[in-house]
Protein backbone atom coordinates (compact mmCIF):
# COMPACT_ATOMS: atom_id res chain seq x y z
CA MET A 1 114.33 121.42 25.56
CA SER A 2 110.55 120.97 24.92
CA ARG A 3 109.36 117.98 22.89
CA LEU A 4 107.66 120.40 20.43
CA PHE A 5 111.06 122.16 19.74
CA CYS A 6 112.92 118.67 19.43
CA LEU A 7 110.13 117.59 16.64
CA PHE A 8 110.72 120.90 14.95
CA VAL A 9 114.52 120.36 14.68
CA LEU A 10 114.03 116.81 13.60
CA ILE A 11 111.48 117.80 10.94
CA SER A 12 113.86 120.72 9.69
CA PHE A 13 116.51 118.04 8.99
CA LEU A 14 114.51 115.50 7.17
CA PRO A 15 114.81 115.28 3.50
CA LEU A 16 112.31 116.97 1.52
CA SER A 17 111.80 113.85 -0.47
CA ALA A 18 110.62 111.90 2.51
CA PHE A 19 108.10 114.51 3.10
CA THR A 20 106.95 114.44 -0.71
CA GLN A 21 106.66 110.75 -0.52
CA LEU A 22 104.67 110.69 2.87
CA SER A 23 102.29 113.24 1.28
CA ALA A 24 102.08 111.58 -2.14
CA GLY A 25 101.36 108.25 -0.26
CA ARG A 26 98.60 109.76 1.85
CA LYS A 27 97.03 111.23 -1.32
CA MET A 28 97.44 107.97 -3.16
CA LEU A 29 95.61 106.10 -0.26
CA LYS A 30 92.84 108.77 -0.02
CA GLN A 31 92.13 108.75 -3.84
CA PHE A 32 91.99 104.96 -3.76
CA SER A 33 89.83 104.67 -0.86
CA ALA A 34 87.28 107.35 -2.16
CA ASP A 35 86.49 105.24 -5.05
CA ALA A 36 82.61 104.47 -5.06
CA ALA A 37 83.34 100.87 -5.83
CA LEU A 38 85.19 100.68 -2.37
CA SER A 39 82.67 102.50 -0.22
CA ASN A 40 81.64 99.30 1.53
CA ALA A 41 84.85 97.19 0.69
CA VAL A 42 87.18 95.85 3.21
CA MET A 43 90.97 96.50 2.37
CA SER A 44 94.37 95.70 3.71
CA ILE A 45 97.37 97.32 2.07
CA CYS A 46 101.08 97.32 3.12
CA ALA A 47 104.31 98.20 1.34
CA VAL A 48 107.84 98.25 2.95
CA ASP A 49 111.36 99.02 1.96
CA VAL A 50 112.52 95.51 2.18
CA ASN A 51 116.35 96.55 3.15
CA SER A 52 115.32 99.16 5.72
CA GLY A 53 111.84 97.92 7.01
CA GLU A 54 110.49 101.45 6.59
CA VAL A 55 106.80 101.24 6.17
CA LEU A 56 106.18 103.25 2.86
CA LEU A 57 102.36 102.74 2.53
CA GLN A 58 99.70 101.11 4.70
CA THR A 59 96.06 101.39 5.47
CA GLU A 60 94.53 98.60 7.76
CA PRO A 61 97.80 96.55 7.56
CA GLN A 62 96.46 94.57 10.58
CA LEU A 63 93.12 93.76 9.22
CA SER A 64 92.64 90.06 8.33
CA VAL A 65 90.99 89.71 4.79
CA THR A 66 90.39 87.00 2.50
CA PRO A 67 93.63 86.72 0.31
CA ALA A 68 92.83 84.37 -2.61
CA SER A 69 95.69 82.91 -4.36
CA VAL A 70 98.28 85.28 -2.97
CA LEU A 71 98.22 82.95 0.01
CA LYS A 72 100.28 80.61 -2.51
CA LEU A 73 103.19 82.99 -1.76
CA LEU A 74 103.09 81.96 2.03
CA THR A 75 102.97 78.27 1.27
CA THR A 76 105.79 78.27 -1.27
CA ALA A 77 108.03 80.43 0.94
CA THR A 78 107.55 77.88 3.58
CA ALA A 79 108.17 74.92 1.39
CA PHE A 80 111.63 76.54 0.17
CA GLU A 81 112.57 77.04 3.77
CA VAL A 82 111.67 73.58 4.97
CA PHE A 83 112.63 71.38 2.16
CA GLY A 84 114.99 73.39 0.02
CA ASN A 85 114.94 74.37 -3.62
CA ASN A 86 116.29 70.82 -4.88
CA TYR A 87 113.80 68.70 -2.69
CA ARG A 88 112.23 65.79 -5.02
CA PHE A 89 109.16 63.74 -4.38
CA VAL A 90 109.69 60.16 -4.77
CA THR A 91 107.20 57.28 -5.88
CA LEU A 92 108.17 53.82 -5.32
CA VAL A 93 107.29 50.83 -7.43
CA SER A 94 107.81 47.78 -5.34
CA THR A 95 106.72 43.91 -5.08
CA ASP A 96 105.56 41.98 -2.12
CA GLY A 97 106.56 38.64 -3.94
CA GLU A 98 109.31 36.74 -5.62
CA ILE A 99 110.61 36.90 -9.17
CA SER A 100 111.10 33.27 -10.71
CA GLY A 101 112.24 33.09 -14.11
CA ARG A 102 110.70 36.18 -15.68
CA THR A 103 107.59 35.99 -13.50
CA LEU A 104 106.58 37.97 -10.53
CA ASN A 105 104.52 35.86 -8.03
CA GLY A 106 103.06 38.54 -6.11
CA ASN A 107 101.75 42.13 -6.46
CA LEU A 108 103.19 45.19 -8.13
CA ILE A 109 102.68 48.04 -5.73
CA VAL A 110 102.95 51.80 -6.61
CA THR A 111 103.38 53.68 -3.25
CA GLY A 112 102.74 57.50 -3.55
CA GLY A 113 105.22 59.99 -2.24
CA GLY A 114 102.99 63.01 -2.73
CA ASP A 115 104.48 63.92 -6.33
CA PRO A 116 102.04 66.25 -8.05
CA THR A 117 103.72 66.14 -11.49
CA LEU A 118 103.02 62.74 -12.72
CA GLY A 119 101.68 63.03 -16.20
CA SER A 120 101.29 66.77 -15.42
CA ALA A 121 100.30 69.17 -18.28
CA TYR A 122 102.55 71.76 -16.62
CA PHE A 123 105.66 69.44 -17.25
CA ASN A 124 104.50 67.43 -20.23
CA ALA A 125 102.90 68.11 -23.65
CA GLU A 126 99.53 66.41 -24.02
CA SER A 127 100.96 64.07 -26.45
CA ASN A 128 103.54 63.09 -23.97
CA LYS A 129 101.73 62.86 -20.80
CA LYS A 130 101.95 59.09 -20.61
CA ALA A 131 105.76 59.08 -21.27
CA PHE A 132 106.34 58.23 -17.55
CA LEU A 133 104.22 55.27 -17.65
CA GLU A 134 105.84 54.03 -20.71
CA GLN A 135 109.25 54.61 -18.87
CA TRP A 136 107.87 52.71 -15.81
CA SER A 137 106.75 49.61 -17.97
CA GLN A 138 110.39 49.39 -19.54
CA LEU A 139 112.01 49.59 -16.06
CA ILE A 140 109.73 46.64 -15.02
CA LYS A 141 111.09 44.69 -17.91
CA GLN A 142 114.37 45.55 -17.03
CA ALA A 143 113.95 44.24 -13.74
CA GLY A 144 113.45 40.88 -15.35
CA ILE A 145 109.53 40.82 -15.16
CA ASP A 146 107.44 39.54 -18.13
CA THR A 147 104.50 38.04 -16.39
CA ILE A 148 102.64 39.25 -13.12
CA ASN A 149 100.81 36.76 -11.03
CA GLY A 150 99.15 39.33 -8.92
CA ASP A 151 97.52 42.61 -8.93
CA ILE A 152 98.62 46.15 -9.55
CA ILE A 153 97.89 48.11 -6.41
CA ALA A 154 98.07 51.75 -6.05
CA ASN A 155 98.98 53.10 -2.29
CA PRO A 156 98.23 56.64 -1.96
CA HIS A 157 98.51 56.90 1.85
CA ILE A 158 101.68 58.79 2.29
CA TYR A 159 98.78 61.38 3.30
CA ASN A 160 96.31 59.99 5.72
CA ASP A 161 93.98 62.93 4.57
CA LEU A 162 92.87 62.10 0.95
CA ASP A 163 90.19 64.55 0.66
CA VAL A 164 89.77 68.17 -0.36
CA PRO A 165 90.05 70.92 2.42
CA GLN A 166 86.52 70.81 4.32
CA THR A 167 85.93 74.50 3.49
CA TRP A 168 85.99 74.44 -0.24
CA ILE A 169 82.60 75.22 -1.80
CA TRP A 170 80.51 72.74 -3.71
CA GLU A 171 80.75 74.77 -7.01
CA ASP A 172 84.66 74.41 -6.92
CA LEU A 173 84.97 70.59 -6.23
CA GLY A 174 84.10 68.93 -9.55
CA ASN A 175 86.21 71.40 -11.49
CA TYR A 176 89.88 71.05 -12.41
CA PHE A 177 90.93 73.90 -9.92
CA GLY A 178 89.11 71.83 -7.16
CA ALA A 179 91.04 68.65 -7.64
CA ALA A 180 92.16 67.18 -4.31
CA ALA A 181 95.72 66.50 -3.45
CA LYS A 182 96.42 62.94 -2.83
CA GLY A 183 99.54 60.69 -2.11
CA LEU A 184 99.10 59.44 -5.74
CA SER A 185 98.25 61.99 -8.51
CA ILE A 186 98.11 61.75 -12.27
CA TYR A 187 97.35 64.12 -15.04
CA ASP A 188 96.98 67.11 -12.41
CA ASN A 189 94.14 65.01 -11.17
CA THR A 190 91.96 66.21 -14.09
CA PHE A 191 90.13 64.82 -17.00
CA LYS A 192 88.52 66.47 -20.07
CA ILE A 193 84.89 66.31 -21.09
CA ASN A 194 84.53 66.85 -24.77
CA PHE A 195 81.43 68.40 -26.20
CA ASN A 196 79.51 69.10 -29.65
CA THR A 197 77.84 72.57 -29.35
CA GLU A 198 76.83 72.76 -32.97
CA ASN A 199 73.13 72.98 -32.17
CA ALA A 200 71.32 76.13 -31.95
CA PRO A 201 71.92 78.46 -29.15
CA GLY A 202 69.49 77.63 -26.26
CA SER A 203 69.64 73.83 -27.08
CA LEU A 204 71.43 71.10 -25.05
CA THR A 205 74.92 70.45 -25.93
CA THR A 206 76.30 66.95 -26.53
CA ILE A 207 79.10 65.02 -24.62
CA THR A 208 81.18 63.11 -27.23
CA GLY A 209 83.64 61.53 -24.77
CA VAL A 210 86.19 61.91 -21.94
CA ASP A 211 89.90 61.66 -21.88
CA PRO A 212 91.29 59.62 -20.26
CA PHE A 213 88.58 56.70 -19.78
CA ILE A 214 87.26 56.57 -16.04
CA PRO A 215 85.73 53.36 -15.10
CA GLU A 216 82.14 53.70 -13.93
CA LEU A 217 82.01 57.41 -14.64
CA LYS A 218 78.68 58.82 -15.15
CA ILE A 219 77.95 62.26 -16.31
CA GLU A 220 74.51 64.11 -16.39
CA ASN A 221 74.58 66.85 -18.97
CA GLN A 222 72.78 70.03 -18.35
CA VAL A 223 75.11 72.32 -20.62
CA ILE A 224 73.30 74.76 -23.00
CA ALA A 225 75.02 76.21 -26.21
CA ALA A 226 75.00 79.84 -26.12
CA ASN A 227 75.93 83.07 -27.95
CA ASP A 228 78.83 83.83 -25.60
CA SER A 229 82.49 82.98 -26.38
CA ARG A 230 83.44 82.37 -22.71
CA ASP A 231 83.55 78.91 -20.87
CA ARG A 232 80.63 78.95 -18.46
CA ALA A 233 80.25 75.33 -17.73
CA TYR A 234 80.73 73.98 -14.27
CA VAL A 235 81.24 70.49 -13.09
CA PHE A 236 79.64 69.47 -9.74
CA GLY A 237 80.84 66.28 -8.05
CA SER A 238 82.55 64.97 -4.90
CA PRO A 239 85.90 63.00 -4.48
CA PHE A 240 85.57 59.19 -4.84
CA ASP A 241 82.13 59.67 -6.42
CA ALA A 242 82.13 58.78 -10.26
CA TYR A 243 78.73 60.62 -10.73
CA ARG A 244 79.21 64.34 -12.21
CA ILE A 245 76.68 66.93 -13.26
CA VAL A 246 77.61 69.54 -15.71
CA LYS A 247 75.80 72.89 -15.93
CA GLY A 248 76.04 76.13 -17.61
CA THR A 249 76.74 77.45 -20.97
CA LEU A 250 79.35 76.76 -23.75
CA PRO A 251 79.99 78.81 -27.12
CA ALA A 252 77.60 77.60 -29.67
CA GLY A 253 78.70 76.26 -33.09
CA ARG A 254 81.73 74.21 -32.02
CA LYS A 255 82.03 70.68 -33.22
CA SER A 256 84.77 70.19 -30.55
CA TYR A 257 85.01 71.98 -27.20
CA SER A 258 86.68 70.54 -24.07
CA ILE A 259 86.44 71.47 -20.34
CA LYS A 260 88.30 70.06 -17.61
CA ALA A 261 87.08 68.34 -14.50
CA SER A 262 88.46 66.76 -11.35
CA VAL A 263 89.19 62.76 -11.20
CA PRO A 264 87.03 61.10 -8.71
CA ASP A 265 89.88 58.77 -7.51
CA PRO A 266 93.33 59.57 -8.91
CA ALA A 267 95.11 56.41 -7.43
CA LEU A 268 92.60 54.35 -9.02
CA LEU A 269 93.01 56.05 -12.47
CA LEU A 270 96.91 55.55 -11.99
CA ALA A 271 96.54 52.03 -11.35
CA GLN A 272 94.55 51.71 -14.32
CA GLU A 273 96.81 53.58 -16.63
CA PHE A 274 99.89 51.50 -15.45
CA TYR A 275 97.86 48.43 -15.92
CA ARG A 276 96.97 49.37 -19.58
CA GLN A 277 100.52 50.49 -20.29
CA LEU A 278 102.06 47.25 -19.14
CA SER A 279 99.55 45.18 -21.01
CA ALA A 280 100.09 47.30 -24.23
CA ASP A 281 103.71 46.53 -23.77
CA GLY A 282 103.31 42.79 -23.87
CA LEU A 283 103.37 41.93 -20.09
CA VAL A 284 101.07 39.01 -19.22
CA LEU A 285 98.90 40.35 -16.32
CA ASN A 286 97.02 37.78 -14.22
CA GLY A 287 95.38 40.16 -11.67
CA ILE A 288 93.48 43.22 -11.68
CA TYR A 289 94.32 46.89 -10.85
CA THR A 290 93.01 48.12 -7.58
CA VAL A 291 93.79 50.62 -4.87
CA GLU A 292 94.96 49.78 -1.23
CA ASN A 293 92.03 51.53 0.62
CA ASN A 294 93.02 51.05 4.30
CA PHE A 295 95.72 53.40 5.80
CA GLY A 296 98.77 51.58 6.98
CA THR A 297 97.89 48.18 5.65
CA ILE A 298 100.77 47.90 3.35
CA ASN A 299 104.08 47.51 5.08
CA ILE A 300 106.35 49.54 3.14
CA GLU A 301 109.50 48.42 4.79
CA ALA A 302 108.78 44.84 3.84
CA LEU A 303 108.55 45.16 0.14
CA ASP A 304 111.24 44.82 -2.47
CA THR A 305 111.89 48.11 -4.49
CA VAL A 306 111.94 47.62 -8.26
CA PHE A 307 112.69 51.21 -8.71
CA GLU A 308 112.35 54.85 -7.36
CA TRP A 309 110.89 57.63 -9.50
CA GLN A 310 111.73 61.36 -8.59
CA SER A 311 109.80 64.59 -9.56
CA PRO A 312 111.25 67.67 -10.98
CA ALA A 313 113.03 69.71 -8.12
CA LEU A 314 110.89 71.87 -5.89
CA SER A 315 112.22 75.26 -7.56
CA GLU A 316 110.74 73.85 -10.76
CA ILE A 317 107.34 72.92 -9.24
CA VAL A 318 107.04 76.16 -7.28
CA LYS A 319 107.86 78.21 -10.61
CA GLN A 320 104.85 76.48 -12.26
CA LEU A 321 102.81 76.81 -9.16
CA ASN A 322 103.13 80.35 -8.83
CA TYR A 323 103.22 81.21 -12.52
CA GLU A 324 99.91 79.47 -13.26
CA SER A 325 98.29 79.49 -9.88
CA ILE A 326 97.97 75.86 -9.62
CA ASN A 327 95.76 74.88 -6.51
CA LEU A 328 96.74 71.24 -6.61
CA PHE A 329 100.47 71.82 -6.47
CA ALA A 330 99.88 74.12 -3.43
CA GLU A 331 97.68 71.75 -1.63
CA HIS A 332 100.40 69.01 -2.05
CA LEU A 333 103.01 71.35 -0.52
CA CYS A 334 100.62 72.10 2.39
CA LYS A 335 99.88 68.40 3.33
CA HIS A 336 103.75 67.60 2.54
CA LEU A 337 104.55 70.37 5.30
CA GLY A 338 102.18 68.88 7.69
CA LEU A 339 103.82 65.46 7.06
CA GLU A 340 107.44 66.70 7.41
CA LEU A 341 106.86 69.08 10.43
CA LYS A 342 103.98 67.52 12.31
CA SER A 343 103.99 63.77 11.18
CA GLU A 344 100.49 64.16 9.64
CA GLY A 345 100.09 64.41 6.01
CA SER A 346 96.67 66.41 6.12
CA THR A 347 95.57 69.91 5.30
CA LYS A 348 94.85 70.71 9.00
CA ALA A 349 98.33 69.77 9.92
CA GLY A 350 99.84 71.64 6.98
CA CYS A 351 97.96 74.77 7.86
CA GLU A 352 99.03 74.34 11.63
CA ALA A 353 102.76 73.81 10.48
CA ILE A 354 102.79 76.89 8.12
CA LYS A 355 101.53 79.22 10.88
CA GLU A 356 104.02 77.59 13.60
CA PHE A 357 106.96 77.88 11.20
CA TRP A 358 106.60 81.64 10.90
CA THR A 359 105.50 82.27 14.42
CA GLU A 360 109.05 80.61 15.29
CA ARG A 361 110.63 83.15 13.01
CA ASN A 362 109.14 86.08 15.07
CA ILE A 363 106.35 86.90 12.32
CA ASP A 364 103.31 87.99 13.87
CA THR A 365 100.77 85.21 12.82
CA ARG A 366 98.03 86.08 15.59
CA PHE A 367 95.74 87.13 12.92
CA MET A 368 96.62 84.40 10.31
CA PHE A 369 93.92 81.99 9.69
CA LEU A 370 94.51 79.29 7.39
CA ALA A 371 92.08 76.54 5.84
CA ASP A 372 94.22 75.72 2.87
CA GLY A 373 97.38 76.20 1.15
CA SER A 374 96.22 77.57 -2.13
CA GLY A 375 93.82 80.35 -1.15
CA LEU A 376 90.71 78.74 -2.66
CA SER A 377 88.88 78.64 0.55
CA ARG A 378 86.94 81.67 1.77
CA SER A 379 87.69 80.70 5.44
CA ASN A 380 91.58 81.80 4.85
CA ALA A 381 92.29 85.23 6.27
CA ILE A 382 95.52 87.15 6.64
CA THR A 383 96.76 90.56 7.00
CA SER A 384 98.84 92.50 4.47
CA LYS A 385 101.45 93.30 7.02
CA THR A 386 102.05 89.50 7.93
CA LEU A 387 102.23 88.79 4.28
CA VAL A 388 104.72 91.53 3.71
CA ASP A 389 106.72 90.35 6.67
CA VAL A 390 107.13 86.91 5.40
CA LEU A 391 108.24 88.52 1.94
CA ARG A 392 110.61 90.70 3.73
CA TYR A 393 112.15 87.75 5.61
CA MET A 394 112.45 85.77 2.36
CA HIS A 395 114.50 88.68 0.76
CA GLN A 396 116.67 89.15 3.84
CA ASN A 397 117.08 85.76 5.07
CA SER A 398 116.51 83.09 2.59
CA LEU A 399 119.14 80.98 0.90
CA PHE A 400 116.30 80.32 -1.85
CA PHE A 401 115.24 83.91 -2.35
CA SER A 402 116.50 83.89 -6.07
CA ASP A 403 114.28 80.73 -6.79
CA PHE A 404 111.30 82.34 -4.70
CA LEU A 405 111.55 85.62 -6.50
CA SER A 406 111.75 83.89 -10.02
CA SER A 407 108.66 81.78 -9.46
CA MET A 408 106.73 85.17 -9.38
CA PRO A 409 105.86 86.07 -13.03
CA LEU A 410 106.83 89.48 -14.54
CA THR A 411 103.84 91.69 -14.91
CA GLY A 412 102.22 91.80 -18.26
CA ILE A 413 104.32 89.07 -19.59
CA GLU A 414 104.66 85.76 -17.85
CA GLY A 415 102.04 83.30 -16.43
CA THR A 416 98.84 84.56 -15.06
CA GLN A 417 100.50 88.06 -14.82
CA ARG A 418 100.17 88.16 -18.76
CA TYR A 419 96.73 89.35 -18.42
CA TYR A 420 97.46 92.31 -16.30
CA PHE A 421 99.58 95.42 -16.77
CA THR A 422 99.58 94.80 -20.47
CA ASN A 423 99.64 98.68 -21.32
CA SER A 424 101.31 99.80 -18.14
CA VAL A 425 104.50 101.54 -17.32
CA LEU A 426 105.03 98.23 -15.00
CA LYS A 427 104.92 95.77 -17.84
CA GLY A 428 107.96 93.40 -17.24
CA LYS A 429 109.05 95.42 -14.12
CA VAL A 430 107.32 93.88 -11.26
CA HIS A 431 107.25 90.24 -9.68
CA SER A 432 103.73 89.75 -8.87
CA LYS A 433 101.35 87.11 -7.71
CA SER A 434 97.54 87.69 -8.16
CA GLY A 435 94.64 86.36 -6.45
CA SER A 436 91.16 86.56 -7.58
CA MET A 437 87.73 84.96 -6.50
CA THR A 438 84.06 86.49 -6.29
CA ARG A 439 84.45 89.88 -4.65
CA VAL A 440 88.17 89.28 -3.91
CA ARG A 441 90.99 90.99 -5.67
CA SER A 442 94.82 91.00 -4.49
CA PHE A 443 98.43 91.48 -5.69
CA ALA A 444 101.41 90.79 -3.68
CA GLY A 445 105.30 90.47 -4.59
CA TYR A 446 108.37 92.79 -5.17
CA MET A 447 109.22 95.75 -7.16
CA THR A 448 112.20 98.22 -7.53
CA THR A 449 110.63 101.55 -7.95
CA LEU A 450 111.39 104.34 -10.53
CA HIS A 451 113.89 105.84 -7.74
CA GLY A 452 115.50 102.35 -6.98
CA THR A 453 113.66 101.42 -3.77
CA GLU A 454 113.10 97.78 -3.28
CA ILE A 455 109.59 97.20 -2.14
CA ALA A 456 107.50 94.12 -0.91
CA TYR A 457 103.91 94.75 -1.12
CA ALA A 458 100.40 93.22 -0.53
CA VAL A 459 97.40 94.90 -1.57
CA MET A 460 94.06 92.73 -0.81
CA VAL A 461 90.51 94.04 -1.33
CA ASN A 462 87.31 92.22 -0.31
CA ASN A 463 83.54 93.11 -1.04
CA PHE A 464 83.88 95.65 -3.60
CA ASP A 465 81.01 96.99 -5.69
CA ALA A 466 82.78 96.38 -9.24
CA GLY A 467 83.68 93.86 -12.01
CA SER A 468 86.54 91.86 -11.13
CA PHE A 469 88.87 92.95 -14.00
CA GLU A 470 87.53 96.62 -13.26
CA MET A 471 88.88 96.34 -9.86
CA ALA A 472 92.12 94.69 -11.07
CA HIS A 473 92.79 97.90 -13.08
CA LYS A 474 92.18 99.98 -9.98
CA LEU A 475 94.84 98.03 -8.20
CA GLU A 476 97.26 98.32 -11.32
CA SER A 477 96.95 101.99 -11.02
CA LEU A 478 97.71 101.93 -7.21
CA LEU A 479 100.72 99.89 -7.98
CA GLU A 480 101.91 102.22 -10.68
CA GLN A 481 101.68 105.30 -8.20
CA MET A 482 103.72 103.24 -5.69
CA TYR A 483 106.47 102.60 -8.43
CA SER A 484 106.68 106.43 -9.37
CA VAL A 485 106.48 107.94 -5.87
CA PHE A 486 108.72 105.67 -3.63
């Protein structure tokens, strides 16, 4: 029997709907690719039936492209598989001296465990962000300490890498979304700069204060008031440097307008805030607040633990991370994965650990190039097929798939997805993570189509000739067609 005849017989017995879907899929991609805004763009698109593994839609699925924040799905999937959904970061508060009467003759040492949630705005109202410090102070009193003849020392060295990823750009570092992941973090490692912009448009604004107070902080203000309702101010500065320059524009006519910037040294700020809380609660402090600057100097095993402080469960952290696309949380997970799997708490080790983890699960990672855990680096590159393969693995194999799925906001309703699909047939129907940076737009996640097919998808486009939101709408339209056809 000839091959041609066999092919004819096979085609004759395939359901008509399969041909309809194939034809519609090809037409869909042809129309999408023909858009003038994509004439010189690079794209990688893949969608599969998560149950059968059948590829439903693909164009250049093997092409490595910059993913932006959809990379957070890779990091959080790995974290669930390695740590489990109930994992909690632990911060230790210890002493290196003895308590005599109600006096501690020694130092009070806060040893970080990588918890990104201490005083976090994602877990506390602004008015309640210092509640953990108040509880710490009360726990110190309950331990029988009213006087400390020593220092308050912050030890952030669970991570030997206290810096930001090396490929992050200068424009990002001073802003809240460029805050570094540290062994000790506080207030999302951000502070507020408060402005008065009541002067006429075109004139210099006035900085009225910062919150919280940061010792030795110096800010050079070059921000202009403008007839623009958007925040277009950027903060420039590097980790551990208390000098900041603020440039750009803010809306004119505001008596009070705040922007967020990255804290130069979160461990030092935590030590200061703890010191102030203890003093405010009546403890006598006969020392200073400081940071242990040398890795491995403090022998944690030789300390006497006063109390342990646990973070919320990993499932809660990941939900906030993916809902609000929090770079800081993702970078904490990346470093913590490096610590767990390669005994090195660094971005480099974390990226290597993530790649090796999925390689061991037979995911093709040859064209996965990782520079961070959040997607903020332009040096990241991944194929849509690899990302979809990870999503399918989680759907088919993970004990924590329910938590992973619920960490992705519903389109048009929750988290960062509330800005997309607001007037779409897909509103509230798709679990999606978006990614965005200059000339990069992406969506990835899961959907159940109009015909009941469960799909994992990744759509990533680089270097398009269109506005960011304009391109987002084009991707929305592509996902709507996928929903209707498959």
